[in-house]
Amino acid sequence: MFLQVHALTSYPASLLNRDDAGLAKRIPFGNATRLRVSSQCLKRHWREAIVPSLPEVPDGLRSTHFFSREVLRRVIGQGVNEDTARTLIKTLADLLIKGGVEDDGNLKQPVLFGLREADYFAAMIAQAARGAHNAQAASQALSERLKSKEEKKNLVAMMQSAAGLTAALFGRMVTSDLLARVDAPVHVAHAFTVHAAQTEMDYFTVVDDLATEEETGGAHLGQTELGAGVYYVYVAVDVPLLSSNLTGIAARTWKSQDTNIARAVLAELIRVIARQSPGAKLGATAPYAYADLMLLEAGRAQPRSLANAFLGAISTREGHITQQAAQRMVHYLQRLDDAYGPTAEQRALTTALDPASFHGLTPAPLETAIASALDAVWS
């Protein structure tokens, strides 16, 4: 079962996502180059909005200092002296991330861990320390425990649901025999403008408040690239896998499990896609916008984007661009249904545009659309 989210969002003068040169990101598509917002940028901003809204779902930390700071703090808090704690943490990190640990216990690259994993590791180390007469013996006991088949199975099972909300949504990739890889159930496309990229360089100056009348000119001259556009956003969610990541149960049994957590996470994800704006230069451009259109689809068929509705860039000289984009989506969706049959058991629409018929759908408030789509997922 998949839940697909399609959105059209318009932003005025802004710089939503920059490349390494500080310019707006772009992508060639169809007959024109478009402005682009990377999936990494979108996921980062969505994560920052979702996590505080779901305090009942533990999250994680992506850091190189996870063991040397987060786990260490917990171990010392359980009464293990700092020198012994550091020795055991280095032993643990070396066994979990082979070849990826510095001498000081820091990781060579950021890895996403759940806070419940930190608790589990700290308890494991504290138990090893209490059961041994010195740090070397404790380190040996810890190594033997981690090498056992029972502990390996326990770690894999525990980490599938303990890696935190971020990993449950967007996955975790690790090269380790002991750590569980978490596949991403939320697949996010790079957002792009439905029309050709149009930008300009914004020159700005800074005035020196203490300059005399003879000291003319600005104290600083700078420039930044700004663009405006209507972006198509597409997200597909593998609901059974999301349920599995959140609860630790097998994906094949997702419908027989408690649905409250998964429903709450999916509902919040849809809300932030509709309302959470990415963007740099917040103080200079205020790039805050809600989606003008949200289309939700729940179905068992393989997901498919509606991006190809915009292979031909929409002309910015002919009427309301967002309304044109919505009409393009309607026509392309109809052609896909005519060619392959409907791919969704349920569709729900929220729009601030002209409420004309959208492929037989009647627009509804966002919360009503969310409830309708999620009811279809678990029906």
Protein backbone atom coordinates (compact mmCIF):
# COMPACT_ATOMS: atom_id res chain seq x y z
CA MET A 1 0.00 0.00 0.00
CA PHE A 2 1.35 3.41 -1.01
CA LEU A 3 0.36 6.94 -0.14
CA GLN A 4 1.36 9.51 -2.76
CA VAL A 5 1.47 13.26 -2.21
CA HIS A 6 1.51 15.78 -5.06
CA ALA A 7 1.80 19.49 -4.30
CA LEU A 8 2.05 22.79 -6.15
CA THR A 9 3.58 25.62 -4.12
CA SER A 10 4.40 29.13 -5.33
CA TYR A 11 7.22 31.22 -3.86
CA PRO A 12 7.97 34.89 -4.60
CA ALA A 13 11.50 36.31 -4.70
CA SER A 14 13.57 33.82 -2.71
CA LEU A 15 16.62 31.57 -2.63
CA LEU A 16 15.20 28.25 -1.46
CA ASN A 17 18.23 26.02 -2.03
CA ARG A 18 21.78 27.02 -2.95
CA ASP A 19 24.56 25.16 -4.74
CA ASP A 20 28.24 25.21 -3.81
CA ALA A 21 28.67 28.58 -5.54
CA GLY A 22 25.82 30.18 -3.61
CA LEU A 23 23.52 30.24 -6.64
CA ALA A 24 20.01 28.79 -6.88
CA LYS A 25 20.03 25.07 -7.67
CA ARG A 26 18.86 24.14 -11.16
CA ILE A 27 17.98 21.06 -13.20
CA PRO A 28 17.40 20.62 -16.96
CA PHE A 29 14.00 19.00 -17.54
CA GLY A 30 12.07 18.70 -20.78
CA ASN A 31 12.53 21.79 -22.90
CA ALA A 32 13.89 24.13 -20.21
CA THR A 33 16.16 24.48 -17.21
CA ARG A 34 14.20 24.76 -13.96
CA LEU A 35 14.86 26.01 -10.46
CA ARG A 36 15.20 23.09 -8.06
CA VAL A 37 14.98 22.26 -4.36
CA SER A 38 16.87 19.08 -3.48
CA SER A 39 15.17 16.21 -1.68
CA GLN A 40 17.84 16.45 1.03
CA CYS A 41 16.88 20.08 1.68
CA LEU A 42 13.17 19.24 1.78
CA LYS A 43 13.66 16.31 4.16
CA ARG A 44 15.82 18.36 6.49
CA HIS A 45 13.18 21.07 6.87
CA TRP A 46 10.34 18.56 7.16
CA ARG A 47 12.21 16.63 9.84
CA GLU A 48 12.77 19.80 11.86
CA ALA A 49 9.01 20.48 11.77
CA ILE A 50 7.78 16.91 12.36
CA VAL A 51 9.93 15.94 15.34
CA PRO A 52 8.68 18.65 17.77
CA SER A 53 5.09 17.89 16.73
CA LEU A 54 5.39 14.22 17.72
CA PRO A 55 7.16 14.23 21.11
CA GLU A 56 5.71 10.80 21.89
CA VAL A 57 7.83 9.25 19.09
CA PRO A 58 11.56 9.17 20.03
CA ASP A 59 13.92 10.63 17.45
CA GLY A 60 17.62 10.21 16.79
CA LEU A 61 20.85 12.11 16.28
CA ARG A 62 23.04 12.24 13.20
CA SER A 63 26.54 12.93 14.47
CA THR A 64 30.17 11.85 14.51
CA HIS A 65 30.12 12.36 18.31
CA PHE A 66 27.29 9.94 19.15
CA PHE A 67 29.45 7.53 21.20
CA SER A 68 31.99 10.02 22.57
CA ARG A 69 29.33 12.43 23.83
CA GLU A 70 25.78 11.04 23.92
CA VAL A 71 26.59 7.48 25.06
CA LEU A 72 29.48 8.62 27.27
CA ARG A 73 27.21 11.01 29.18
CA ARG A 74 24.73 8.23 29.87
CA VAL A 75 27.42 5.76 30.97
CA ILE A 76 29.01 8.21 33.43
CA GLY A 77 25.50 8.95 34.71
CA GLN A 78 25.19 5.27 35.65
CA GLY A 79 28.22 5.50 37.94
CA VAL A 80 31.05 4.29 35.65
CA ASN A 81 34.23 6.37 36.01
CA GLU A 82 35.13 8.39 32.94
CA ASP A 83 38.38 6.58 31.99
CA THR A 84 36.70 3.16 32.08
CA ALA A 85 33.67 4.55 30.24
CA ARG A 86 35.86 5.93 27.42
CA THR A 87 37.71 2.63 27.06
CA LEU A 88 34.49 0.64 26.84
CA ILE A 89 32.85 3.10 24.47
CA LYS A 90 35.82 2.82 22.10
CA THR A 91 35.49 -0.98 22.25
CA LEU A 92 31.77 -0.75 21.50
CA ALA A 93 32.16 1.73 18.64
CA ASP A 94 34.95 -0.31 17.01
CA LEU A 95 32.78 -3.44 17.03
CA LEU A 96 29.67 -1.69 15.75
CA ILE A 97 31.31 0.49 13.07
CA LYS A 98 34.33 -1.47 11.87
CA GLY A 99 36.99 0.77 10.39
CA GLY A 100 34.90 3.88 10.93
CA VAL A 101 36.06 5.05 14.36
CA GLU A 102 38.79 7.53 15.27
CA ASP A 103 41.17 6.95 18.19
CA ASP A 104 39.14 9.31 20.39
CA GLY A 105 35.93 7.37 19.80
CA ASN A 106 34.45 9.80 17.30
CA LEU A 107 33.06 8.36 14.07
CA LYS A 108 34.78 9.12 10.77
CA GLN A 109 31.45 10.15 9.25
CA PRO A 110 28.05 11.14 10.68
CA VAL A 111 25.76 8.18 11.42
CA LEU A 112 22.12 8.38 12.46
CA PHE A 113 21.36 6.71 15.80
CA GLY A 114 18.20 6.66 17.88
CA LEU A 115 18.11 7.97 21.43
CA ARG A 116 16.77 4.60 22.61
CA GLU A 117 19.85 3.01 21.05
CA ALA A 118 21.99 5.33 23.18
CA ASP A 119 20.13 4.12 26.28
CA TYR A 120 20.63 0.48 25.29
CA PHE A 121 24.36 0.90 24.60
CA ALA A 122 24.88 2.76 27.88
CA ALA A 123 23.13 0.03 29.84
CA MET A 124 25.23 -2.61 28.07
CA ILE A 125 28.48 -0.83 28.95
CA ALA A 126 27.45 -0.18 32.57
CA GLN A 127 26.59 -3.87 33.01
CA ALA A 128 29.99 -4.90 31.60
CA ALA A 129 31.78 -2.44 33.91
CA ARG A 130 29.95 -3.63 37.03
CA GLY A 131 30.69 -7.28 36.28
CA ALA A 132 34.48 -6.91 35.88
CA HIS A 133 37.32 -5.97 38.22
CA ASN A 134 39.11 -3.69 35.70
CA ALA A 135 38.58 -1.93 32.35
CA GLN A 136 40.40 -4.61 30.35
CA ALA A 137 38.19 -7.39 31.71
CA ALA A 138 35.09 -5.28 31.11
CA SER A 139 36.18 -4.62 27.54
CA GLN A 140 36.67 -8.35 26.97
CA ALA A 141 33.24 -9.14 28.40
CA LEU A 142 31.65 -6.49 26.19
CA SER A 143 33.39 -7.88 23.09
CA GLU A 144 32.21 -11.42 23.83
CA ARG A 145 28.64 -10.25 24.31
CA LEU A 146 28.59 -8.36 21.01
CA LYS A 147 30.05 -11.32 19.12
CA SER A 148 27.38 -13.72 20.35
CA LYS A 149 24.64 -14.77 17.94
CA GLU A 150 21.99 -13.94 20.51
CA GLU A 151 23.16 -10.35 20.94
CA LYS A 152 23.52 -9.85 17.18
CA LYS A 153 19.89 -10.92 16.66
CA ASN A 154 18.82 -8.74 19.56
CA LEU A 155 20.59 -5.68 18.15
CA VAL A 156 19.12 -6.12 14.68
CA ALA A 157 15.60 -6.56 16.06
CA MET A 158 15.92 -3.67 18.49
CA MET A 159 17.44 -1.21 16.02
CA GLN A 160 14.78 -1.70 13.38
CA SER A 161 12.38 0.22 15.60
CA ALA A 162 14.79 2.16 17.83
CA ALA A 163 16.69 4.19 15.27
CA GLY A 164 14.33 7.11 15.83
CA LEU A 165 11.62 8.95 13.92
CA THR A 166 13.99 10.40 11.32
CA ALA A 167 15.37 6.99 10.38
CA ALA A 168 11.86 5.49 10.39
CA LEU A 169 10.86 8.08 7.78
CA PHE A 170 13.98 8.58 5.71
CA GLY A 171 16.11 5.50 6.41
CA ARG A 172 19.58 4.83 7.73
CA MET A 173 22.53 3.47 5.76
CA VAL A 174 25.34 1.84 7.75
CA THR A 175 28.16 -0.51 6.79
CA SER A 176 28.10 -2.87 9.76
CA ASP A 177 27.34 -6.49 10.55
CA LEU A 178 25.72 -5.55 13.84
CA LEU A 179 23.83 -2.35 13.13
CA ALA A 180 20.51 -2.63 11.31
CA ARG A 181 20.14 -0.84 8.02
CA VAL A 182 16.79 0.96 7.90
CA ASP A 183 15.28 1.30 4.43
CA ALA A 184 13.53 4.58 3.69
CA PRO A 185 9.74 4.26 3.30
CA VAL A 186 9.37 7.95 2.39
CA HIS A 187 10.64 8.59 -1.14
CA VAL A 188 11.10 12.29 -1.91
CA ALA A 189 11.65 13.71 -5.39
CA HIS A 190 13.58 16.91 -6.04
CA ALA A 191 11.06 19.73 -6.36
CA PHE A 192 11.29 21.79 -9.56
CA THR A 193 9.52 24.75 -11.15
CA VAL A 194 6.80 23.95 -13.67
CA HIS A 195 8.17 26.76 -15.86
CA ALA A 196 11.64 27.78 -17.00
CA ALA A 197 14.03 29.19 -14.40
CA GLN A 198 13.94 32.96 -14.13
CA THR A 199 16.35 34.66 -11.75
CA GLU A 200 18.09 37.94 -11.23
CA MET A 201 21.04 39.13 -9.20
CA ASP A 202 20.03 41.26 -6.25
CA TYR A 203 22.70 43.85 -5.42
CA PHE A 204 22.64 45.26 -1.92
CA THR A 205 24.68 47.72 0.09
CA VAL A 206 25.34 48.30 3.78
CA VAL A 207 25.37 51.88 5.05
CA ASP A 208 27.89 52.85 7.73
CA ASP A 209 25.89 54.62 10.44
CA LEU A 210 29.00 56.49 11.63
CA ALA A 211 30.09 57.73 8.20
CA THR A 212 30.57 61.48 7.77
CA GLU A 213 28.99 63.53 4.98
CA GLU A 214 32.29 63.44 3.10
CA GLU A 215 32.43 59.63 3.25
CA THR A 216 30.00 58.73 0.47
CA GLY A 217 29.06 55.30 -0.76
CA GLY A 218 28.21 52.12 1.05
CA ALA A 219 30.38 50.33 3.57
CA HIS A 220 29.72 47.01 1.83
CA LEU A 221 28.41 45.89 -1.55
CA GLY A 222 27.12 42.36 -2.11
CA GLN A 223 24.92 40.35 -4.42
CA THR A 224 22.75 37.26 -4.26
CA GLU A 225 20.66 35.38 -6.79
CA LEU A 226 16.91 35.42 -6.33
CA GLY A 227 14.22 33.50 -8.17
CA ALA A 228 10.47 33.06 -8.05
CA GLY A 229 8.44 30.10 -9.16
CA VAL A 230 5.72 27.48 -8.85
CA TYR A 231 7.23 24.17 -7.68
CA TYR A 232 5.92 20.65 -8.17
CA VAL A 233 6.58 18.48 -5.10
CA TYR A 234 6.18 14.69 -5.14
CA VAL A 235 6.42 12.18 -2.29
CA ALA A 236 5.61 8.45 -2.22
CA VAL A 237 5.29 6.55 1.07
CA ASP A 238 5.56 2.77 1.45
CA VAL A 239 3.07 2.47 4.33
CA PRO A 240 3.82 -1.13 5.41
CA LEU A 241 7.53 -0.35 5.60
CA LEU A 242 6.86 2.83 7.58
CA SER A 243 4.74 0.84 10.04
CA SER A 244 7.52 -1.73 10.33
CA ASN A 245 10.18 0.93 10.97
CA LEU A 246 8.07 2.61 13.65
CA THR A 247 7.08 -0.53 15.55
CA GLY A 248 9.65 -3.20 14.70
CA ILE A 249 6.98 -5.60 13.41
CA ALA A 250 7.28 -7.37 10.05
CA ALA A 251 6.00 -5.29 7.16
CA ARG A 252 3.72 -8.12 6.01
CA THR A 253 1.72 -7.87 9.26
CA TRP A 254 1.33 -4.08 9.18
CA LYS A 255 -2.48 -4.04 8.99
CA SER A 256 -2.92 -6.21 12.07
CA GLN A 257 -0.84 -3.90 14.26
CA ASP A 258 -1.82 -0.77 16.18
CA THR A 259 -2.23 2.00 13.62
CA ASN A 260 -2.18 5.06 15.90
CA ILE A 261 1.55 5.85 15.62
CA ALA A 262 1.78 5.32 11.86
CA ARG A 263 -1.38 7.36 11.22
CA ALA A 264 -0.11 10.21 13.39
CA VAL A 265 3.27 10.26 11.62
CA LEU A 266 1.72 10.15 8.14
CA ALA A 267 -0.78 12.89 8.98
CA GLU A 268 1.99 15.15 10.30
CA LEU A 269 4.16 14.44 7.26
CA ILE A 270 1.35 15.57 4.93
CA ARG A 271 0.81 18.72 6.99
CA VAL A 272 4.46 19.76 6.84
CA ILE A 273 4.65 19.07 3.08
CA ALA A 274 1.73 21.47 2.71
CA ARG A 275 3.01 24.16 5.05
CA GLN A 276 6.74 23.89 5.78
CA SER A 277 8.84 26.13 3.55
CA PRO A 278 12.48 25.40 2.80
CA GLY A 279 14.77 28.29 2.21
CA ALA A 280 17.87 30.27 2.93
CA LYS A 281 17.94 34.02 3.57
CA LEU A 282 14.85 33.90 5.76
CA GLY A 283 15.38 37.41 7.11
CA ALA A 284 15.84 38.92 3.64
CA THR A 285 13.11 37.12 1.66
CA ALA A 286 10.56 35.62 4.12
CA PRO A 287 10.04 32.54 1.90
CA TYR A 288 6.94 31.26 3.66
CA ALA A 289 4.13 29.75 1.59
CA TYR A 290 1.45 27.09 1.86
CA ALA A 291 0.78 24.72 -1.01
CA ASP A 292 -1.83 25.98 -3.46
CA LEU A 293 -2.78 22.39 -4.24
CA MET A 294 -2.38 19.04 -2.44
CA LEU A 295 -3.45 15.80 -4.12
CA LEU A 296 -3.34 12.62 -2.01
CA GLU A 297 -3.57 9.13 -3.53
CA ALA A 298 -3.87 5.84 -1.67
CA GLY A 299 -3.43 2.64 -3.65
CA ARG A 300 -1.63 -0.67 -4.09
CA ALA A 301 -0.16 -0.07 -7.54
CA GLN A 302 3.42 1.10 -8.02
CA PRO A 303 3.58 4.86 -7.46
CA ARG A 304 4.12 7.21 -10.40
CA SER A 305 5.00 10.87 -10.41
CA LEU A 306 3.00 13.47 -12.34
CA ALA A 307 6.20 15.37 -13.18
CA ASN A 308 5.89 14.58 -16.88
CA ALA A 309 2.85 16.84 -17.01
CA PHE A 310 5.45 19.62 -17.02
CA LEU A 311 7.92 18.29 -19.60
CA GLY A 312 6.86 21.26 -21.66
CA ALA A 313 7.59 24.29 -19.48
CA ILE A 314 4.52 26.41 -18.78
CA SER A 315 4.66 29.86 -20.32
CA THR A 316 4.82 32.64 -17.75
CA ARG A 317 3.07 35.00 -20.18
CA GLU A 318 -0.23 33.18 -20.40
CA GLY A 319 -2.50 33.55 -17.40
CA HIS A 320 -2.29 32.15 -13.88
CA ILE A 321 0.73 29.82 -13.75
CA THR A 322 -0.44 27.77 -10.78
CA GLN A 323 -3.91 27.33 -12.31
CA GLN A 324 -2.28 26.23 -15.56
CA ALA A 325 -0.15 23.76 -13.63
CA ALA A 326 -3.23 22.32 -11.91
CA GLN A 327 -4.95 21.87 -15.26
CA ARG A 328 -1.85 20.15 -16.63
CA MET A 329 -1.95 17.72 -13.71
CA VAL A 330 -5.66 17.03 -14.32
CA HIS A 331 -5.13 16.24 -17.99
CA TYR A 332 -2.02 14.11 -17.42
CA LEU A 333 -3.68 12.16 -14.61
CA GLN A 334 -6.64 11.48 -16.89
CA ARG A 335 -4.36 10.25 -19.68
CA LEU A 336 -2.53 7.92 -17.30
CA ASP A 337 -5.82 6.50 -16.04
CA ASP A 338 -7.03 6.03 -19.60
CA ALA A 339 -3.81 4.20 -20.54
CA TYR A 340 -3.25 2.04 -17.45
CA GLY A 341 -6.40 2.25 -15.37
CA PRO A 342 -6.70 4.09 -12.04
CA THR A 343 -3.73 3.46 -9.76
CA ALA A 344 -5.43 4.69 -6.59
CA GLU A 345 -8.39 3.36 -4.62
CA GLN A 346 -8.86 6.80 -3.08
CA ARG A 347 -7.93 10.35 -4.05
CA ALA A 348 -8.38 13.46 -1.94
CA LEU A 349 -7.81 17.06 -2.94
CA THR A 350 -7.10 20.29 -1.08
CA THR A 351 -6.66 23.48 -3.07
CA ALA A 352 -6.71 27.25 -2.72
CA LEU A 353 -7.18 27.58 -6.49
CA ASP A 354 -10.39 27.91 -8.50
CA PRO A 355 -12.43 24.98 -7.13
CA ALA A 356 -13.29 23.59 -10.54
CA SER A 357 -13.68 19.82 -10.82
CA PHE A 358 -10.32 18.10 -10.47
CA HIS A 359 -10.62 14.75 -12.19
CA GLY A 360 -13.97 14.14 -10.54
CA LEU A 361 -12.80 15.23 -7.09
CA THR A 362 -14.41 17.83 -4.88
CA PRO A 363 -11.87 19.92 -2.95
CA ALA A 364 -11.93 19.51 0.83
CA PRO A 365 -10.08 21.12 3.77
CA LEU A 366 -6.65 19.64 4.37
CA GLU A 367 -7.60 17.79 7.56
CA THR A 368 -10.61 16.23 5.83
CA ALA A 369 -8.44 15.16 2.90
CA ILE A 370 -5.85 13.65 5.25
CA ALA A 371 -8.49 11.67 7.14
CA SER A 372 -10.02 10.41 3.89
CA ALA A 373 -6.66 9.28 2.49
CA LEU A 374 -5.58 7.56 5.72
CA ASP A 375 -8.94 5.83 6.11
CA ALA A 376 -8.42 4.43 2.60
CA VAL A 377 -4.92 3.24 3.50
CA TRP A 378 -6.18 1.21 6.47
CA SER A 379 -9.57 0.21 5.07
